[in-house]
Amino acid sequence: MNTLQIIYLALIFLTVFIVVLVILAQFNTKPLQNRLQILKTGHDEKVEIDEKSQVSPWLGRIIELTKPVAKLSIPAEGWESSQLRIRFMNAGYRSETAPIIFFLAKTVLTFTLPAIYILYITISGSDIKTNLLLLLIVLFAGLGYFLPNVFLERRIAYRKREIFESFPDAMDLIIVCVESGLGLDAALARVGEEMHMISPILGDELHLINLELRAGSSRERALRNLALRTGVEDIDTLVAMLVQSDRFGTSVAQALRVHAENLRTKRRLRAEEAAAKIALKLLFPLIFFIFPSMLLVLLGPAIISINRVLLPTLAGQ
């Protein structure tokens, strides 16, 4: 085994190791332990702990060392107030290091994937035409550049779905609080504490509204920031409705009740749509994977018997 083969195997090992770490970081969650911790310490203490431990010391050190590499992909100016910054907020990444990690991943993958492919071609000694080789290198570079975008879009879609599915329940709690005599600000704070047990994402967003109101921000500004952070169309509609109700002095509880009913209907329709798509989604696995296996199990013995008994008998006659 020569040096190039060792380098190639080391790169494959590092790539698989990083992918496994990312997958474990996404799926290694402990919801039961998190809920028990919330009940034990309280929501405010949990938020403070999360803010302090959001970036570990070793990760911060790595980020500081790799900032020059990340600057190769970071736009020159204006990206902080652009649509990209809003996408980071929609994905729940409010840390200052999130853009650096994102663009660092884009830069590293853009150069790493073509390098691995070139190293593989060099070791295997494959004879590939120059035009095809350049095309494949460009394709791998483009794949590495857009993979972080795909991950970010998946994260945004997951977060929006989580907020949309939990928001009708939060609306019901807000209606109960408002009709029992609480103001809208106190109702949002109370519901944020309760919803954090069911949906931590929505609970954090409602808790941020409470923090903005404590800091002196107006209710309209805090609600519009909620719609901007979540990116959910129904929350944007709710914010516009609450702002109009506040301006014209109409009943907030009645407006919330109507909107909650609409959200519940939309959630039920989405569930029915997803259920109706199951038959079509199961069609392709049935055709290409399950049916061939069933035919092989059912007709295999018959085909073997025909080949051993019937065909020699017919040939002898």
Protein backbone atom coordinates (compact mmCIF):
# COMPACT_ATOMS: atom_id res chain seq x y z
CA MET A 1 0.00 0.00 0.00
CA ASN A 2 1.56 3.24 -1.16
CA THR A 3 1.26 6.76 0.30
CA LEU A 4 -1.60 7.86 -2.00
CA GLN A 5 -3.72 4.90 -0.95
CA ILE A 6 -3.12 5.68 2.72
CA ILE A 7 -4.10 9.32 2.18
CA TYR A 8 -7.21 8.23 0.28
CA LEU A 9 -8.29 5.86 3.06
CA ALA A 10 -7.64 8.55 5.67
CA LEU A 11 -9.83 11.01 3.78
CA ILE A 12 -12.62 8.46 3.51
CA PHE A 13 -12.34 7.77 7.25
CA LEU A 14 -12.52 11.48 8.11
CA THR A 15 -15.48 12.03 5.79
CA VAL A 16 -17.48 9.15 7.25
CA PHE A 17 -16.55 10.21 10.78
CA ILE A 18 -17.77 13.78 10.21
CA VAL A 19 -21.00 12.59 8.58
CA VAL A 20 -21.71 10.26 11.51
CA LEU A 21 -21.05 13.06 14.00
CA VAL A 22 -23.48 15.36 12.17
CA ILE A 23 -26.16 12.67 12.09
CA LEU A 24 -25.71 11.91 15.78
CA ALA A 25 -25.87 15.61 16.62
CA GLN A 26 -29.19 15.89 14.79
CA PHE A 27 -30.88 12.75 16.08
CA ASN A 28 -29.29 12.15 19.48
CA THR A 29 -31.96 14.02 21.42
CA LYS A 30 -33.42 13.13 24.81
CA PRO A 31 -36.87 14.73 25.02
CA LEU A 32 -37.82 13.03 28.28
CA GLN A 33 -34.66 14.16 30.06
CA ASN A 34 -35.09 17.67 28.65
CA ARG A 35 -38.66 17.91 29.96
CA LEU A 36 -37.62 16.66 33.39
CA GLN A 37 -34.81 19.21 33.42
CA ILE A 38 -37.27 21.97 32.54
CA LEU A 39 -39.60 20.91 35.35
CA LYS A 40 -36.68 20.81 37.78
CA THR A 41 -34.94 24.08 36.97
CA GLY A 42 -37.59 26.18 35.23
CA HIS A 43 -37.77 27.63 31.75
CA ASP A 44 -35.84 30.84 32.43
CA GLU A 45 -32.86 29.00 33.89
CA LYS A 46 -32.86 26.58 30.94
CA VAL A 47 -32.74 29.45 28.46
CA GLU A 48 -29.81 31.02 30.32
CA ILE A 49 -27.96 27.69 30.38
CA ASP A 50 -28.57 27.12 26.67
CA GLU A 51 -27.30 30.59 25.82
CA LYS A 52 -24.13 30.05 27.85
CA SER A 53 -23.44 26.57 26.50
CA GLN A 54 -24.50 27.26 22.93
CA VAL A 55 -20.90 27.31 21.74
CA SER A 56 -18.41 25.06 23.48
CA PRO A 57 -14.82 26.28 24.01
CA TRP A 58 -13.25 23.81 21.57
CA LEU A 59 -15.80 24.67 18.90
CA GLY A 60 -15.14 28.36 19.42
CA ARG A 61 -11.41 27.71 19.03
CA ILE A 62 -11.98 25.83 15.78
CA ILE A 63 -14.17 28.64 14.48
CA GLU A 64 -11.52 31.23 15.25
CA LEU A 65 -8.87 29.18 13.44
CA THR A 66 -11.02 28.56 10.37
CA LYS A 67 -12.40 32.09 9.87
CA PRO A 68 -9.97 32.82 6.99
CA VAL A 69 -11.26 29.74 5.17
CA ALA A 70 -14.89 30.71 5.77
CA LYS A 71 -14.26 34.19 4.36
CA LEU A 72 -13.71 32.63 0.95
CA SER A 73 -17.47 32.01 0.71
CA ILE A 74 -18.94 34.78 2.90
CA PRO A 75 -20.43 37.58 0.78
CA ALA A 76 -18.55 40.85 0.88
CA GLU A 77 -21.21 43.03 2.51
CA GLY A 78 -24.91 43.31 3.21
CA TRP A 79 -25.55 39.64 3.89
CA GLU A 80 -26.42 40.30 7.55
CA SER A 81 -29.65 42.04 6.53
CA SER A 82 -30.34 39.89 3.49
CA GLN A 83 -32.65 36.95 2.93
CA LEU A 84 -29.85 34.59 4.00
CA ARG A 85 -29.86 36.02 7.52
CA ILE A 86 -33.63 35.54 7.69
CA ARG A 87 -33.15 31.90 6.64
CA PHE A 88 -30.74 31.42 9.54
CA MET A 89 -33.38 32.79 11.90
CA ASN A 90 -36.03 30.56 10.36
CA ALA A 91 -33.76 27.57 10.95
CA GLY A 92 -33.30 28.58 14.60
CA TYR A 93 -29.61 29.51 14.29
CA ARG A 94 -29.34 32.85 16.08
CA SER A 95 -25.71 32.50 17.13
CA GLU A 96 -23.03 34.74 15.63
CA THR A 97 -20.98 31.67 14.73
CA ALA A 98 -23.73 30.05 12.63
CA PRO A 99 -22.88 31.96 9.40
CA ILE A 100 -19.19 31.22 9.84
CA ILE A 101 -19.84 27.48 10.26
CA PHE A 102 -22.23 27.51 7.28
CA PHE A 103 -19.81 29.19 4.88
CA LEU A 104 -16.91 27.16 6.25
CA ALA A 105 -18.80 23.98 5.36
CA LYS A 106 -19.48 25.31 1.87
CA THR A 107 -15.80 26.14 1.33
CA VAL A 108 -14.46 22.86 2.72
CA LEU A 109 -16.92 20.67 0.81
CA THR A 110 -16.34 22.58 -2.42
CA PHE A 111 -12.65 21.72 -2.36
CA THR A 112 -12.76 18.38 -0.51
CA LEU A 113 -15.13 16.42 -2.76
CA PRO A 114 -13.21 17.14 -6.00
CA ALA A 115 -9.91 16.44 -4.20
CA ILE A 116 -11.18 13.03 -3.03
CA TYR A 117 -12.36 12.20 -6.54
CA ILE A 118 -9.03 13.25 -8.11
CA LEU A 119 -7.17 11.18 -5.52
CA TYR A 120 -9.39 8.20 -6.31
CA ILE A 121 -8.71 8.56 -10.06
CA THR A 122 -4.98 8.81 -9.37
CA ILE A 123 -4.90 5.69 -7.18
CA SER A 124 -7.15 3.53 -9.36
CA GLY A 125 -5.40 4.58 -12.56
CA SER A 126 -8.65 4.96 -14.48
CA ASP A 127 -8.38 6.29 -17.99
CA ILE A 128 -10.90 9.16 -18.20
CA LYS A 129 -11.01 11.78 -20.90
CA THR A 130 -10.03 15.30 -19.92
CA ASN A 131 -13.39 16.85 -20.74
CA LEU A 132 -15.27 14.25 -18.71
CA LEU A 133 -12.81 14.63 -15.83
CA LEU A 134 -13.28 18.41 -15.74
CA LEU A 135 -17.06 18.00 -15.90
CA LEU A 136 -17.06 15.57 -12.96
CA ILE A 137 -14.79 17.85 -10.93
CA VAL A 138 -17.14 20.79 -11.51
CA LEU A 139 -20.14 18.63 -10.58
CA PHE A 140 -18.52 17.48 -7.33
CA ALA A 141 -17.54 21.06 -6.49
CA GLY A 142 -21.09 22.26 -7.12
CA LEU A 143 -22.46 19.40 -5.03
CA GLY A 144 -20.19 20.32 -2.14
CA TYR A 145 -21.14 24.00 -2.44
CA PHE A 146 -24.90 23.37 -2.34
CA LEU A 147 -25.00 20.58 0.27
CA PRO A 148 -25.11 23.07 3.21
CA ASN A 149 -28.00 24.83 1.47
CA VAL A 150 -29.91 21.55 1.31
CA PHE A 151 -29.25 20.93 5.00
CA LEU A 152 -30.42 24.46 5.86
CA GLU A 153 -33.60 24.08 3.82
CA ARG A 154 -34.38 20.76 5.52
CA ARG A 155 -33.86 22.37 8.92
CA ILE A 156 -36.16 25.28 8.02
CA ALA A 157 -38.86 22.91 6.74
CA TYR A 158 -38.68 20.79 9.91
CA ARG A 159 -38.90 23.83 12.16
CA LYS A 160 -41.82 25.34 10.25
CA ARG A 161 -43.71 22.07 10.37
CA GLU A 162 -43.09 21.75 14.11
CA ILE A 163 -44.37 25.28 14.74
CA PHE A 164 -47.38 24.84 12.46
CA GLU A 165 -48.46 21.59 14.12
CA SER A 166 -48.14 22.98 17.65
CA PHE A 167 -49.52 26.46 17.05
CA PRO A 168 -53.29 25.59 17.15
CA ASP A 169 -52.83 24.16 20.66
CA ALA A 170 -51.00 27.33 21.69
CA MET A 171 -53.85 29.38 20.24
CA ASP A 172 -56.36 27.50 22.38
CA LEU A 173 -54.30 28.20 25.49
CA ILE A 174 -54.02 31.89 24.58
CA ILE A 175 -57.80 32.08 24.14
CA VAL A 176 -58.35 30.50 27.57
CA CYS A 177 -55.90 32.93 29.18
CA VAL A 178 -57.40 35.99 27.46
CA GLU A 179 -60.98 35.02 28.28
CA SER A 180 -60.03 34.40 31.91
CA GLY A 181 -58.92 38.02 32.30
CA LEU A 182 -55.20 38.06 31.41
CA GLY A 183 -53.81 40.59 28.99
CA LEU A 184 -52.33 39.49 25.69
CA ASP A 185 -48.74 40.03 26.88
CA ALA A 186 -49.27 38.01 30.06
CA ALA A 187 -51.12 35.34 28.09
CA LEU A 188 -48.23 34.97 25.64
CA ALA A 189 -45.75 34.67 28.52
CA ARG A 190 -47.88 32.06 30.29
CA VAL A 191 -48.50 30.04 27.13
CA GLY A 192 -44.78 30.16 26.31
CA GLU A 193 -44.02 28.47 29.64
CA GLU A 194 -46.68 25.80 29.09
CA MET A 195 -45.87 25.12 25.42
CA HIS A 196 -42.21 24.60 26.16
CA MET A 197 -43.13 21.19 27.54
CA ILE A 198 -44.87 20.17 24.30
CA SER A 199 -42.97 22.08 21.63
CA PRO A 200 -39.65 23.60 22.78
CA ILE A 201 -39.27 25.44 19.48
CA LEU A 202 -42.58 27.30 19.81
CA GLY A 203 -42.01 27.79 23.52
CA ASP A 204 -38.67 29.50 22.84
CA GLU A 205 -40.24 31.79 20.25
CA LEU A 206 -43.00 32.86 22.62
CA HIS A 207 -40.43 33.32 25.37
CA LEU A 208 -38.46 35.64 23.09
CA ILE A 209 -41.60 37.77 22.68
CA ASN A 210 -41.75 38.08 26.46
CA LEU A 211 -38.09 39.10 26.60
CA GLU A 212 -38.59 41.75 23.91
CA LEU A 213 -41.58 43.19 25.76
CA ARG A 214 -39.55 43.30 28.98
CA ALA A 215 -36.78 45.12 27.13
CA GLY A 216 -39.20 47.89 26.16
CA SER A 217 -40.17 46.87 22.65
CA SER A 218 -43.71 47.53 21.51
CA ARG A 219 -46.17 44.68 21.17
CA GLU A 220 -46.53 45.22 17.43
CA ARG A 221 -42.77 45.11 16.93
CA ALA A 222 -42.40 41.97 19.04
CA LEU A 223 -45.18 40.18 17.14
CA ARG A 224 -43.73 41.14 13.76
CA ASN A 225 -40.35 39.85 14.90
CA LEU A 226 -42.06 36.57 15.79
CA ALA A 227 -43.46 36.28 12.27
CA LEU A 228 -40.04 37.11 10.82
CA ARG A 229 -38.20 34.53 12.95
CA THR A 230 -40.60 31.68 12.32
CA GLY A 231 -41.33 32.29 8.64
CA VAL A 232 -44.73 30.57 8.99
CA GLU A 233 -47.42 32.17 6.88
CA ASP A 234 -50.19 31.47 9.40
CA ILE A 235 -48.29 33.24 12.17
CA ASP A 236 -47.79 36.22 9.86
CA THR A 237 -51.57 36.31 9.29
CA LEU A 238 -52.17 36.06 13.05
CA VAL A 239 -49.78 38.94 13.73
CA ALA A 240 -51.51 41.14 11.18
CA MET A 241 -54.87 40.28 12.71
CA LEU A 242 -53.70 41.03 16.25
CA VAL A 243 -52.20 44.34 15.18
CA GLN A 244 -55.46 45.35 13.48
CA SER A 245 -57.50 44.26 16.52
CA ASP A 246 -55.24 46.28 18.79
CA ARG A 247 -55.53 49.36 16.60
CA PHE A 248 -59.30 49.31 16.13
CA GLY A 249 -60.18 48.02 19.60
CA THR A 250 -62.01 44.87 18.52
CA SER A 251 -62.29 41.70 20.59
CA VAL A 252 -58.95 39.91 20.65
CA ALA A 253 -60.46 36.70 22.03
CA GLN A 254 -62.98 36.42 19.19
CA ALA A 255 -60.31 37.06 16.56
CA LEU A 256 -58.07 34.42 18.16
CA ARG A 257 -60.93 31.92 18.26
CA VAL A 258 -61.66 32.33 14.54
CA HIS A 259 -58.00 32.05 13.62
CA ALA A 260 -57.51 28.97 15.84
CA GLU A 261 -60.44 27.26 14.11
CA ASN A 262 -58.92 28.02 10.71
CA LEU A 263 -55.54 26.66 11.80
CA ARG A 264 -57.10 23.49 13.16
CA THR A 265 -58.99 22.97 9.90
CA LYS A 266 -55.84 23.50 7.86
CA ARG A 267 -53.90 21.06 10.05
CA ARG A 268 -56.60 18.42 9.59
CA LEU A 269 -56.62 18.94 5.82
CA ARG A 270 -52.85 18.55 5.69
CA ALA A 271 -53.10 15.32 7.66
CA GLU A 272 -55.76 14.01 5.28
CA GLU A 273 -53.60 15.00 2.31
CA ALA A 274 -50.60 13.18 3.75
CA ALA A 275 -52.75 10.11 4.40
CA ALA A 276 -54.06 10.16 0.83
CA LYS A 277 -50.50 10.21 -0.53
CA ILE A 278 -49.49 7.06 1.34
CA ALA A 279 -50.91 4.70 -1.30
CA LEU A 280 -48.98 6.39 -4.09
CA LYS A 281 -45.76 6.51 -2.07
CA LEU A 282 -46.03 2.80 -1.25
CA LEU A 283 -46.59 1.89 -4.91
CA PHE A 284 -42.95 2.15 -6.01
CA PRO A 285 -41.45 0.16 -3.09
CA LEU A 286 -44.10 -2.51 -3.67
CA ILE A 287 -43.36 -2.78 -7.38
CA PHE A 288 -39.57 -2.70 -7.25
CA PHE A 289 -38.77 -4.43 -3.94
CA ILE A 290 -41.65 -6.38 -2.37
CA PHE A 291 -43.38 -7.88 -5.41
CA PRO A 292 -40.18 -9.35 -6.97
CA SER A 293 -39.30 -10.97 -3.65
CA MET A 294 -42.80 -12.43 -3.29
CA LEU A 295 -42.74 -13.75 -6.85
CA LEU A 296 -39.34 -15.31 -6.26
CA VAL A 297 -40.54 -17.04 -3.08
CA LEU A 298 -43.85 -18.20 -4.58
CA LEU A 299 -42.76 -19.18 -8.09
CA GLY A 300 -39.18 -20.21 -7.35
CA PRO A 301 -39.94 -23.81 -6.24
CA ALA A 302 -42.36 -24.28 -9.15
CA ILE A 303 -39.80 -23.08 -11.68
CA ILE A 304 -37.16 -25.41 -10.20
CA SER A 305 -39.56 -28.37 -10.38
CA ILE A 306 -40.47 -27.55 -13.98
CA ASN A 307 -36.80 -27.30 -14.90
CA ARG A 308 -35.90 -30.62 -13.22
CA VAL A 309 -38.96 -32.77 -14.02
CA LEU A 310 -41.24 -31.40 -16.71
CA LEU A 311 -38.69 -30.14 -19.22
CA PRO A 312 -36.62 -33.39 -19.28
CA THR A 313 -39.84 -35.42 -19.61
CA LEU A 314 -41.03 -33.33 -22.56
CA ALA A 315 -37.59 -33.56 -24.18
CA GLY A 316 -37.59 -37.37 -23.80
CA GLN A 317 -41.01 -37.72 -25.48
